[in-house]
Structure formats: C-alpha cells, structure tokens
Amino acid sequence: MYIAMNRFRIAPGREEEFLEVWRNRDSHLDEVPGFKEFKMLQGDKQDDHTVFISHSIWESQEAFRAWTQSDAFRKAHANAKSPEGIYLGPPKFEGYEVVL
C-alpha cells in the first residue's frame, strides 16, 4: 500500500474558499485502477497560515505513479485553478510506502 500526500499552506481567512474548490472538484479518482481512498485533513490555524493535507491511499506506488500519467489525472487538474492569494506557495508532496 502507498500513501500520497500534498501539504498546502493556506492564507488566514481563506480556508473555506480552499475547501470549496476541493468540494467542487471532479477528481476522476473513481475511474483509476489501484485507488482506494481520499481524505482532506485540516491542521490547527496558525497566525500566518492553516495547513491542509490531501491524503490518498493506493494499492501500490506503481498505481499512484500510473495515475499521475493518466487521462484521469489530466482531467482532474485541468480546472484546478484557485482564486489568487489562497495558497502561500506551492504544495509539498510526500509519498510513503506502508511497511507495517
């Protein structure tokens, strides 16, 4: 099993806008072989940002990598533009192989 996460730093007061973009997004994940589950996690609000983490679970790292090269990935990211000022920099990717 493989877990893929993107860590987002979101501007104070823009959290609901960020979540709305994700709520209305068609991820196309349901059509991807090897996809198991998706969650959006929210951390505590800080003075200068709030952290959100997209958390997806895959059968394998190979299944995740295949998704990143797929039509479903391109469709999911084609309209991923958010209103300016929500993100405080690019997301930080982290990938983990489940070992226990």
PDB file of N, CA and C in Angstrom:
ATOM      1  N   MET A   1       0.850  -1.177   0.000  1.00  0.00           N
ATOM      2  CA  MET A   1       0.000   0.000   0.000  1.00  0.00           C
ATOM      3  C   MET A   1       0.897   1.242   0.000  1.00  0.00           C
ATOM      4  N   TYR A   2       0.390   2.316  -0.603  1.00  0.00           N
ATOM      5  CA  TYR A   2       1.140   3.561  -0.744  1.00  0.00           C
ATOM      6  C   TYR A   2       0.245   4.726  -0.353  1.00  0.00           C
ATOM      7  N   ILE A   3       0.805   5.674   0.393  1.00  0.00           N
ATOM      8  CA  ILE A   3       0.080   6.883   0.793  1.00  0.00           C
ATOM      9  C   ILE A   3       0.756   8.091   0.153  1.00  0.00           C
ATOM     10  N   ALA A   4      -0.037   8.879  -0.562  1.00  0.00           N
ATOM     11  CA  ALA A   4       0.442  10.096  -1.219  1.00  0.00           C
ATOM     12  C   ALA A   4      -0.231  11.296  -0.566  1.00  0.00           C
ATOM     13  N   MET A   5       0.583  12.289  -0.197  1.00  0.00           N
ATOM     14  CA  MET A   5       0.049  13.466   0.483  1.00  0.00           C
ATOM     15  C   MET A   5       0.625  14.735  -0.134  1.00  0.00           C
ATOM     16  N   ASN A   6      -0.191  15.761  -0.195  1.00  0.00           N
ATOM     17  CA  ASN A   6       0.255  17.103  -0.552  1.00  0.00           C
ATOM     18  C   ASN A   6      -0.097  18.023   0.596  1.00  0.00           C
ATOM     19  N   ARG A   7       0.895  18.759   1.059  1.00  0.00           N
ATOM     20  CA  ARG A   7       0.721  19.705   2.168  1.00  0.00           C
ATOM     21  C   ARG A   7       0.561  21.104   1.583  1.00  0.00           C
ATOM     22  N   PHE A   8      -0.558  21.747   1.933  1.00  0.00           N
ATOM     23  CA  PHE A   8      -0.886  23.090   1.445  1.00  0.00           C
ATOM     24  C   PHE A   8      -0.853  24.078   2.603  1.00  0.00           C
ATOM     25  N   ARG A   9      -0.211  25.214   2.398  1.00  0.00           N
ATOM     26  CA  ARG A   9      -0.260  26.321   3.356  1.00  0.00           C
ATOM     27  C   ARG A   9      -1.248  27.334   2.801  1.00  0.00           C
ATOM     28  N   ILE A  10      -2.330  27.582   3.567  1.00  0.00           N
ATOM     29  CA  ILE A  10      -3.442  28.420   3.100  1.00  0.00           C
ATOM     30  C   ILE A  10      -3.493  29.720   3.909  1.00  0.00           C
ATOM     31  N   ALA A  11      -3.729  30.809   3.202  1.00  0.00           N
ATOM     32  CA  ALA A  11      -3.772  32.135   3.823  1.00  0.00           C
ATOM     33  C   ALA A  11      -4.892  32.206   4.861  1.00  0.00           C
ATOM     34  N   PRO A  12      -4.651  32.921   5.970  1.00  0.00           N
ATOM     35  CA  PRO A  12      -5.683  33.076   7.006  1.00  0.00           C
ATOM     36  C   PRO A  12      -6.962  33.674   6.423  1.00  0.00           C
ATOM     37  N   GLY A  13      -8.084  33.101   6.816  1.00  0.00           N
ATOM     38  CA  GLY A  13      -9.374  33.585   6.351  1.00  0.00           C
ATOM     39  C   GLY A  13      -9.796  33.033   4.999  1.00  0.00           C
ATOM     40  N   ARG A  14      -8.944  32.258   4.345  1.00  0.00           N
ATOM     41  CA  ARG A  14      -9.246  31.719   3.005  1.00  0.00           C
ATOM     42  C   ARG A  14      -9.525  30.216   3.043  1.00  0.00           C
ATOM     43  N   GLU A  15      -9.615  29.655   4.247  1.00  0.00           N
ATOM     44  CA  GLU A  15      -9.779  28.212   4.395  1.00  0.00           C
ATOM     45  C   GLU A  15     -11.047  27.694   3.715  1.00  0.00           C
ATOM     46  N   GLU A  16     -12.152  28.374   3.900  1.00  0.00           N
ATOM     47  CA  GLU A  16     -13.406  27.903   3.324  1.00  0.00           C
ATOM     48  C   GLU A  16     -13.373  27.966   1.788  1.00  0.00           C
ATOM     49  N   GLU A  17     -12.732  28.980   1.230  1.00  0.00           N
ATOM     50  CA  GLU A  17     -12.585  29.061  -0.230  1.00  0.00           C
ATOM     51  C   GLU A  17     -11.775  27.875  -0.753  1.00  0.00           C
ATOM     52  N   PHE A  18     -10.693  27.556  -0.049  1.00  0.00           N
ATOM     53  CA  PHE A  18      -9.863  26.413  -0.426  1.00  0.00           C
ATOM     54  C   PHE A  18     -10.687  25.129  -0.412  1.00  0.00           C
ATOM     55  N   LEU A  19     -11.436  24.919   0.662  1.00  0.00           N
ATOM     56  CA  LEU A  19     -12.251  23.710   0.766  1.00  0.00           C
ATOM     57  C   LEU A  19     -13.334  23.664  -0.303  1.00  0.00           C
ATOM     58  N   GLU A  20     -13.894  24.806  -0.637  1.00  0.00           N
ATOM     59  CA  GLU A  20     -14.940  24.848  -1.663  1.00  0.00           C
ATOM     60  C   GLU A  20     -14.388  24.422  -3.025  1.00  0.00           C
ATOM     61  N   VAL A  21     -13.172  24.841  -3.340  1.00  0.00           N
ATOM     62  CA  VAL A  21     -12.533  24.415  -4.587  1.00  0.00           C
ATOM     63  C   VAL A  21     -12.444  22.888  -4.614  1.00  0.00           C
ATOM     64  N   TRP A  22     -12.037  22.287  -3.498  1.00  0.00           N
ATOM     65  CA  TRP A  22     -11.895  20.831  -3.437  1.00  0.00           C
ATOM     66  C   TRP A  22     -13.251  20.132  -3.423  1.00  0.00           C
ATOM     67  N   ARG A  23     -14.231  20.708  -2.780  1.00  0.00           N
ATOM     68  CA  ARG A  23     -15.578  20.103  -2.767  1.00  0.00           C
ATOM     69  C   ARG A  23     -16.176  20.036  -4.173  1.00  0.00           C
ATOM     70  N   ASN A  24     -15.914  21.043  -4.986  1.00  0.00           N
ATOM     71  CA  ASN A  24     -16.493  21.133  -6.328  1.00  0.00           C
ATOM     72  C   ASN A  24     -15.628  20.511  -7.409  1.00  0.00           C
ATOM     73  N   ARG A  25     -14.518  19.972  -7.042  1.00  0.00           N
ATOM     74  CA  ARG A  25     -13.564  19.401  -7.990  1.00  0.00           C
ATOM     75  C   ARG A  25     -13.969  17.980  -8.368  1.00  0.00           C
ATOM     76  N   ASP A  26     -13.921  17.678  -9.649  1.00  0.00           N
ATOM     77  CA  ASP A  26     -14.156  16.316 -10.117  1.00  0.00           C
ATOM     78  C   ASP A  26     -12.792  15.643 -10.229  1.00  0.00           C
ATOM     79  N   SER A  27     -12.466  14.793  -9.268  1.00  0.00           N
ATOM     80  CA  SER A  27     -11.134  14.208  -9.188  1.00  0.00           C
ATOM     81  C   SER A  27     -10.911  13.079 -10.187  1.00  0.00           C
ATOM     82  N   HIS A  28     -11.973  12.438 -10.645  1.00  0.00           N
ATOM     83  CA  HIS A  28     -11.895  11.298 -11.554  1.00  0.00           C
ATOM     84  C   HIS A  28     -11.191  10.103 -10.924  1.00  0.00           C
ATOM     85  N   LEU A  29     -10.985  10.127  -9.616  1.00  0.00           N
ATOM     86  CA  LEU A  29     -10.278   9.033  -8.952  1.00  0.00           C
ATOM     87  C   LEU A  29     -11.060   7.721  -8.993  1.00  0.00           C
ATOM     88  N   ASP A  30     -12.373   7.805  -9.062  1.00  0.00           N
ATOM     89  CA  ASP A  30     -13.179   6.592  -9.076  1.00  0.00           C
ATOM     90  C   ASP A  30     -12.947   5.743 -10.320  1.00  0.00           C
ATOM     91  N   GLU A  31     -12.321   6.310 -11.343  1.00  0.00           N
ATOM     92  CA  GLU A  31     -12.050   5.564 -12.568  1.00  0.00           C
ATOM     93  C   GLU A  31     -10.599   5.092 -12.666  1.00  0.00           C
ATOM     94  N   VAL A  32      -9.837   5.221 -11.584  1.00  0.00           N
ATOM     95  CA  VAL A  32      -8.409   4.909 -11.610  1.00  0.00           C
ATOM     96  C   VAL A  32      -8.124   3.570 -10.926  1.00  0.00           C
ATOM     97  N   PRO A  33      -7.511   2.633 -11.641  1.00  0.00           N
ATOM     98  CA  PRO A  33      -7.130   1.360 -11.011  1.00  0.00           C
ATOM     99  C   PRO A  33      -6.133   1.585  -9.872  1.00  0.00           C
ATOM    100  N   GLY A  34      -6.350   0.914  -8.767  1.00  0.00           N
ATOM    101  CA  GLY A  34      -5.425   0.994  -7.644  1.00  0.00           C
ATOM    102  C   GLY A  34      -5.758   2.049  -6.615  1.00  0.00           C
ATOM    103  N   PHE A  35      -6.685   2.958  -6.929  1.00  0.00           N
ATOM    104  CA  PHE A  35      -7.079   3.985  -5.960  1.00  0.00           C
ATOM    105  C   PHE A  35      -7.978   3.369  -4.899  1.00  0.00           C
ATOM    106  N   LYS A  36      -7.722   3.724  -3.615  1.00  0.00           N
ATOM    107  CA  LYS A  36      -8.514   3.185  -2.523  1.00  0.00           C
ATOM    108  C   LYS A  36      -9.323   4.244  -1.774  1.00  0.00           C
ATOM    109  N   GLU A  37      -8.684   5.369  -1.422  1.00  0.00           N
ATOM    110  CA  GLU A  37      -9.367   6.317  -0.536  1.00  0.00           C
ATOM    111  C   GLU A  37      -8.727   7.700  -0.614  1.00  0.00           C
ATOM    112  N   PHE A  38      -9.552   8.736  -0.400  1.00  0.00           N
ATOM    113  CA  PHE A  38      -9.070  10.116  -0.346  1.00  0.00           C
ATOM    114  C   PHE A  38      -9.659  10.814   0.871  1.00  0.00           C
ATOM    115  N   LYS A  39      -8.841  11.595   1.550  1.00  0.00           N
ATOM    116  CA  LYS A  39      -9.271  12.455   2.654  1.00  0.00           C
ATOM    117  C   LYS A  39      -8.561  13.798   2.529  1.00  0.00           C
ATOM    118  N   MET A  40      -9.230  14.869   2.988  1.00  0.00           N
ATOM    119  CA  MET A  40      -8.583  16.170   3.124  1.00  0.00           C
ATOM    120  C   MET A  40      -8.488  16.452   4.613  1.00  0.00           C
ATOM    121  N   LEU A  41      -7.293  16.678   5.101  1.00  0.00           N
ATOM    122  CA  LEU A  41      -7.044  16.914   6.518  1.00  0.00           C
ATOM    123  C   LEU A  41      -6.784  18.400   6.759  1.00  0.00           C
ATOM    124  N   GLN A  42      -7.271  18.905   7.883  1.00  0.00           N
ATOM    125  CA  GLN A  42      -7.035  20.310   8.251  1.00  0.00           C
ATOM    126  C   GLN A  42      -6.325  20.355   9.585  1.00  0.00           C
ATOM    127  N   GLY A  43      -5.225  21.106   9.638  1.00  0.00           N
ATOM    128  CA  GLY A  43      -4.490  21.312  10.880  1.00  0.00           C
ATOM    129  C   GLY A  43      -5.015  22.535  11.616  1.00  0.00           C
ATOM    130  N   ASP A  44      -4.418  22.799  12.765  1.00  0.00           N
ATOM    131  CA  ASP A  44      -4.782  23.971  13.553  1.00  0.00           C
ATOM    132  C   ASP A  44      -4.426  25.254  12.800  1.00  0.00           C
ATOM    133  N   LYS A  45      -5.217  26.282  13.014  1.00  0.00           N
ATOM    134  CA  LYS A  45      -4.930  27.585  12.410  1.00  0.00           C
ATOM    135  C   LYS A  45      -3.758  28.220  13.143  1.00  0.00           C
ATOM    136  N   GLN A  46      -2.814  28.726  12.379  1.00  0.00           N
ATOM    137  CA  GLN A  46      -1.676  29.478  12.893  1.00  0.00           C
ATOM    138  C   GLN A  46      -1.933  30.954  12.605  1.00  0.00           C
ATOM    139  N   ASP A  47      -1.090  31.832  13.118  1.00  0.00           N
ATOM    140  CA  ASP A  47      -1.253  33.258  12.854  1.00  0.00           C
ATOM    141  C   ASP A  47      -1.129  33.584  11.371  1.00  0.00           C
ATOM    142  N   ASP A  48      -0.221  32.881  10.670  1.00  0.00           N
ATOM    143  CA  ASP A  48       0.067  33.244   9.285  1.00  0.00           C
ATOM    144  C   ASP A  48      -0.410  32.226   8.245  1.00  0.00           C
ATOM    145  N   HIS A  49      -1.001  31.101   8.668  1.00  0.00           N
ATOM    146  CA  HIS A  49      -1.488  30.108   7.712  1.00  0.00           C
ATOM    147  C   HIS A  49      -2.259  28.994   8.417  1.00  0.00           C
ATOM    148  N   THR A  50      -2.947  28.190   7.596  1.00  0.00           N
ATOM    149  CA  THR A  50      -3.543  26.939   8.050  1.00  0.00           C
ATOM    150  C   THR A  50      -3.028  25.854   7.120  1.00  0.00           C
ATOM    151  N   VAL A  51      -2.632  24.723   7.691  1.00  0.00           N
ATOM    152  CA  VAL A  51      -2.150  23.606   6.876  1.00  0.00           C
ATOM    153  C   VAL A  51      -3.316  22.670   6.557  1.00  0.00           C
ATOM    154  N   PHE A  52      -3.413  22.298   5.281  1.00  0.00           N
ATOM    155  CA  PHE A  52      -4.309  21.248   4.817  1.00  0.00           C
ATOM    156  C   PHE A  52      -3.447  20.196   4.144  1.00  0.00           C
ATOM    157  N   ILE A  53      -3.841  18.938   4.280  1.00  0.00           N
ATOM    158  CA  ILE A  53      -3.101  17.850   3.646  1.00  0.00           C
ATOM    159  C   ILE A  53      -4.078  16.967   2.888  1.00  0.00           C
ATOM    160  N   SER A  54      -3.859  16.842   1.579  1.00  0.00           N
ATOM    161  CA  SER A  54      -4.622  15.865   0.804  1.00  0.00           C
ATOM    162  C   SER A  54      -3.944  14.516   1.042  1.00  0.00           C
ATOM    163  N   HIS A  55      -4.739  13.510   1.340  1.00  0.00           N
ATOM    164  CA  HIS A  55      -4.231  12.197   1.755  1.00  0.00           C
ATOM    165  C   HIS A  55      -4.934  11.133   0.919  1.00  0.00           C
ATOM    166  N   SER A  56      -4.189  10.485   0.041  1.00  0.00           N
ATOM    167  CA  SER A  56      -4.794   9.436  -0.782  1.00  0.00           C
ATOM    168  C   SER A  56      -4.076   8.116  -0.542  1.00  0.00           C
ATOM    169  N   ILE A  57      -4.855   7.042  -0.572  1.00  0.00           N
ATOM    170  CA  ILE A  57      -4.325   5.705  -0.350  1.00  0.00           C
ATOM    171  C   ILE A  57      -4.466   4.916  -1.644  1.00  0.00           C
ATOM    172  N   TRP A  58      -3.393   4.225  -1.995  1.00  0.00           N
ATOM    173  CA  TRP A  58      -3.289   3.481  -3.251  1.00  0.00           C
ATOM    174  C   TRP A  58      -2.859   2.052  -2.974  1.00  0.00           C
ATOM    175  N   GLU A  59      -3.197   1.143  -3.871  1.00  0.00           N
ATOM    176  CA  GLU A  59      -2.759  -0.251  -3.736  1.00  0.00           C
ATOM    177  C   GLU A  59      -1.244  -0.361  -3.741  1.00  0.00           C
ATOM    178  N   SER A  60      -0.587   0.511  -4.522  1.00  0.00           N
ATOM    179  CA  SER A  60       0.874   0.458  -4.641  1.00  0.00           C
ATOM    180  C   SER A  60       1.393   1.812  -5.141  1.00  0.00           C
ATOM    181  N   GLN A  61       2.700   1.991  -5.008  1.00  0.00           N
ATOM    182  CA  GLN A  61       3.317   3.191  -5.554  1.00  0.00           C
ATOM    183  C   GLN A  61       3.175   3.190  -7.075  1.00  0.00           C
ATOM    184  N   GLU A  62       3.245   2.026  -7.695  1.00  0.00           N
ATOM    185  CA  GLU A  62       3.101   1.924  -9.144  1.00  0.00           C
ATOM    186  C   GLU A  62       1.720   2.414  -9.593  1.00  0.00           C
ATOM    187  N   ALA A  63       0.675   2.061  -8.827  1.00  0.00           N
ATOM    188  CA  ALA A  63      -0.682   2.521  -9.162  1.00  0.00           C
ATOM    189  C   ALA A  63      -0.767   4.042  -9.065  1.00  0.00           C
ATOM    190  N   PHE A  64      -0.157   4.614  -8.029  1.00  0.00           N
ATOM    191  CA  PHE A  64      -0.153   6.072  -7.879  1.00  0.00           C
ATOM    192  C   PHE A  64       0.591   6.727  -9.047  1.00  0.00           C
ATOM    193  N   ARG A  65       1.774   6.216  -9.362  1.00  0.00           N
ATOM    194  CA  ARG A  65       2.572   6.792 -10.461  1.00  0.00           C
ATOM    195  C   ARG A  65       1.815   6.675 -11.795  1.00  0.00           C
ATOM    196  N   ALA A  66       1.143   5.555 -12.015  1.00  0.00           N
ATOM    197  CA  ALA A  66       0.359   5.392 -13.247  1.00  0.00           C
ATOM    198  C   ALA A  66      -0.742   6.442 -13.312  1.00  0.00           C
ATOM    199  N   TRP A  67      -1.381   6.751 -12.174  1.00  0.00           N
ATOM    200  CA  TRP A  67      -2.415   7.788 -12.149  1.00  0.00           C
ATOM    201  C   TRP A  67      -1.851   9.135 -12.574  1.00  0.00           C
ATOM    202  N   THR A  68      -0.631   9.461 -12.118  1.00  0.00           N
ATOM    203  CA  THR A  68      -0.053  10.764 -12.456  1.00  0.00           C
ATOM    204  C   THR A  68       0.231  10.908 -13.944  1.00  0.00           C
ATOM    205  N   GLN A  69       0.234   9.789 -14.673  1.00  0.00           N
ATOM    206  CA  GLN A  69       0.460   9.814 -16.116  1.00  0.00           C
ATOM    207  C   GLN A  69      -0.831   9.590 -16.916  1.00  0.00           C
ATOM    208  N   SER A  70      -1.966   9.515 -16.219  1.00  0.00           N
ATOM    209  CA  SER A  70      -3.221   9.114 -16.858  1.00  0.00           C
ATOM    210  C   SER A  70      -4.066  10.296 -17.342  1.00  0.00           C
ATOM    211  N   ASP A  71      -5.051   9.967 -18.188  1.00  0.00           N
ATOM    212  CA  ASP A  71      -6.039  10.957 -18.618  1.00  0.00           C
ATOM    213  C   ASP A  71      -6.849  11.461 -17.429  1.00  0.00           C
ATOM    214  N   ALA A  72      -7.146  10.574 -16.474  1.00  0.00           N
ATOM    215  CA  ALA A  72      -7.902  10.973 -15.279  1.00  0.00           C
ATOM    216  C   ALA A  72      -7.152  12.064 -14.518  1.00  0.00           C
ATOM    217  N   PHE A  73      -5.832  11.949 -14.399  1.00  0.00           N
ATOM    218  CA  PHE A  73      -5.014  12.960 -13.722  1.00  0.00           C
ATOM    219  C   PHE A  73      -5.099  14.287 -14.467  1.00  0.00           C
ATOM    220  N   ARG A  74      -4.947  14.232 -15.786  1.00  0.00           N
ATOM    221  CA  ARG A  74      -5.007  15.461 -16.586  1.00  0.00           C
ATOM    222  C   ARG A  74      -6.378  16.126 -16.471  1.00  0.00           C
ATOM    223  N   LYS A  75      -7.442  15.334 -16.498  1.00  0.00           N
ATOM    224  CA  LYS A  75      -8.796  15.890 -16.360  1.00  0.00           C
ATOM    225  C   LYS A  75      -8.998  16.498 -14.973  1.00  0.00           C
ATOM    226  N   ALA A  76      -8.511  15.824 -13.939  1.00  0.00           N
ATOM    227  CA  ALA A  76      -8.692  16.303 -12.566  1.00  0.00           C
ATOM    228  C   ALA A  76      -7.961  17.617 -12.324  1.00  0.00           C
ATOM    229  N   HIS A  77      -6.846  17.826 -13.010  1.00  0.00           N
ATOM    230  CA  HIS A  77      -6.041  19.026 -12.789  1.00  0.00           C
ATOM    231  C   HIS A  77      -6.266  20.108 -13.834  1.00  0.00           C
ATOM    232  N   ALA A  78      -7.089  19.833 -14.831  1.00  0.00           N
ATOM    233  CA  ALA A  78      -7.318  20.798 -15.911  1.00  0.00           C
ATOM    234  C   ALA A  78      -7.960  22.085 -15.402  1.00  0.00           C
ATOM    235  N   ASN A  79      -8.855  21.990 -14.450  1.00  0.00           N
ATOM    236  CA  ASN A  79      -9.557  23.169 -13.923  1.00  0.00           C
ATOM    237  C   ASN A  79      -9.245  23.381 -12.448  1.00  0.00           C
ATOM    238  N   ALA A  80      -8.015  23.087 -12.054  1.00  0.00           N
ATOM    239  CA  ALA A  80      -7.637  23.150 -10.642  1.00  0.00           C
ATOM    240  C   ALA A  80      -7.232  24.556 -10.187  1.00  0.00           C
ATOM    241  N   LYS A  81      -7.427  25.541 -11.021  1.00  0.00           N
ATOM    242  CA  LYS A  81      -7.048  26.921 -10.666  1.00  0.00           C
ATOM    243  C   LYS A  81      -7.914  27.435  -9.529  1.00  0.00           C
ATOM    244  N   SER A  82      -7.262  27.997  -8.527  1.00  0.00           N
ATOM    245  CA  SER A  82      -7.957  28.583  -7.378  1.00  0.00           C
ATOM    246  C   SER A  82      -7.834  30.096  -7.428  1.00  0.00           C
ATOM    247  N   PRO A  83      -8.743  30.800  -6.757  1.00  0.00           N
ATOM    248  CA  PRO A  83      -8.609  32.258  -6.687  1.00  0.00           C
ATOM    249  C   PRO A  83      -7.244  32.662  -6.126  1.00  0.00           C
ATOM    250  N   GLU A  84      -6.694  33.708  -6.701  1.00  0.00           N
ATOM    251  CA  GLU A  84      -5.368  34.177  -6.297  1.00  0.00           C
ATOM    252  C   GLU A  84      -5.331  34.531  -4.811  1.00  0.00           C
ATOM    253  N   GLY A  85      -4.206  34.204  -4.164  1.00  0.00           N
ATOM    254  CA  GLY A  85      -3.987  34.582  -2.777  1.00  0.00           C
ATOM    255  C   GLY A  85      -4.372  33.533  -1.756  1.00  0.00           C
ATOM    256  N   ILE A  86      -4.968  32.418  -2.204  1.00  0.00           N
ATOM    257  CA  ILE A  86      -5.337  31.364  -1.258  1.00  0.00           C
ATOM    258  C   ILE A  86      -4.097  30.596  -0.800  1.00  0.00           C
ATOM    259  N   TYR A  87      -3.262  30.195  -1.770  1.00  0.00           N
ATOM    260  CA  TYR A  87      -2.083  29.387  -1.469  1.00  0.00           C
ATOM    261  C   TYR A  87      -0.905  30.270  -1.089  1.00  0.00           C
ATOM    262  N   LEU A  88      -0.188  29.869  -0.051  1.00  0.00           N
ATOM    263  CA  LEU A  88       1.046  30.549   0.339  1.00  0.00           C
ATOM    264  C   LEU A  88       2.220  29.697  -0.138  1.00  0.00           C
ATOM    265  N   GLY A  89       2.366  29.600  -1.426  1.00  0.00           N
ATOM    266  CA  GLY A  89       3.408  28.780  -2.032  1.00  0.00           C
ATOM    267  C   GLY A  89       2.845  27.495  -2.601  1.00  0.00           C
ATOM    268  N   PRO A  90       3.692  26.751  -3.301  1.00  0.00           N
ATOM    269  CA  PRO A  90       3.243  25.503  -3.918  1.00  0.00           C
ATOM    270  C   PRO A  90       3.044  24.411  -2.859  1.00  0.00           C
ATOM    271  N   PRO A  91       2.238  23.380  -3.188  1.00  0.00           N
ATOM    272  CA  PRO A  91       2.093  22.276  -2.252  1.00  0.00           C
ATOM    273  C   PRO A  91       3.392  21.487  -2.142  1.00  0.00           C
ATOM    274  N   LYS A  92       3.573  20.827  -0.991  1.00  0.00           N
ATOM    275  CA  LYS A  92       4.746  19.975  -0.777  1.00  0.00           C
ATOM    276  C   LYS A  92       4.281  18.525  -0.802  1.00  0.00           C
ATOM    277  N   PHE A  93       4.802  17.740  -1.746  1.00  0.00           N
ATOM    278  CA  PHE A  93       4.422  16.337  -1.883  1.00  0.00           C
ATOM    279  C   PHE A  93       5.239  15.470  -0.933  1.00  0.00           C
ATOM    280  N   GLU A  94       4.560  14.463  -0.363  1.00  0.00           N
ATOM    281  CA  GLU A  94       5.220  13.426   0.422  1.00  0.00           C
ATOM    282  C   GLU A  94       4.583  12.101   0.067  1.00  0.00           C
ATOM    283  N   GLY A  95       5.374  11.080  -0.227  1.00  0.00           N
ATOM    284  CA  GLY A  95       4.872   9.765  -0.556  1.00  0.00           C
ATOM    285  C   GLY A  95       5.489   8.723   0.370  1.00  0.00           C
ATOM    286  N   TYR A  96       4.665   7.761   0.795  1.00  0.00           N
ATOM    287  CA  TYR A  96       5.110   6.775   1.773  1.00  0.00           C
ATOM    288  C   TYR A  96       4.628   5.375   1.411  1.00  0.00           C
ATOM    289  N   GLU A  97       5.542   4.432   1.448  1.00  0.00           N
ATOM    290  CA  GLU A  97       5.208   3.015   1.322  1.00  0.00           C
ATOM    291  C   GLU A  97       4.809   2.526   2.712  1.00  0.00           C
ATOM    292  N   VAL A  98       3.654   1.855   2.819  1.00  0.00           N
ATOM    293  CA  VAL A  98       3.222   1.300   4.096  1.00  0.00           C
ATOM    294  C   VAL A  98       4.040   0.037   4.346  1.00  0.00           C
ATOM    295  N   VAL A  99       4.738  -0.016   5.479  1.00  0.00           N
ATOM    296  CA  VAL A  99       5.621  -1.132   5.769  1.00  0.00           C
ATOM    297  C   VAL A  99       5.115  -2.041   6.895  1.00  0.00           C
ATOM    298  N   LEU A 100       4.212  -1.569   7.706  1.00  0.00           N
ATOM    299  CA  LEU A 100       3.601  -2.388   8.772  1.00  0.00           C
ATOM    300  C   LEU A 100       2.113  -2.190   8.775  1.00  0.00           C
TER     301      LEU A 100
END
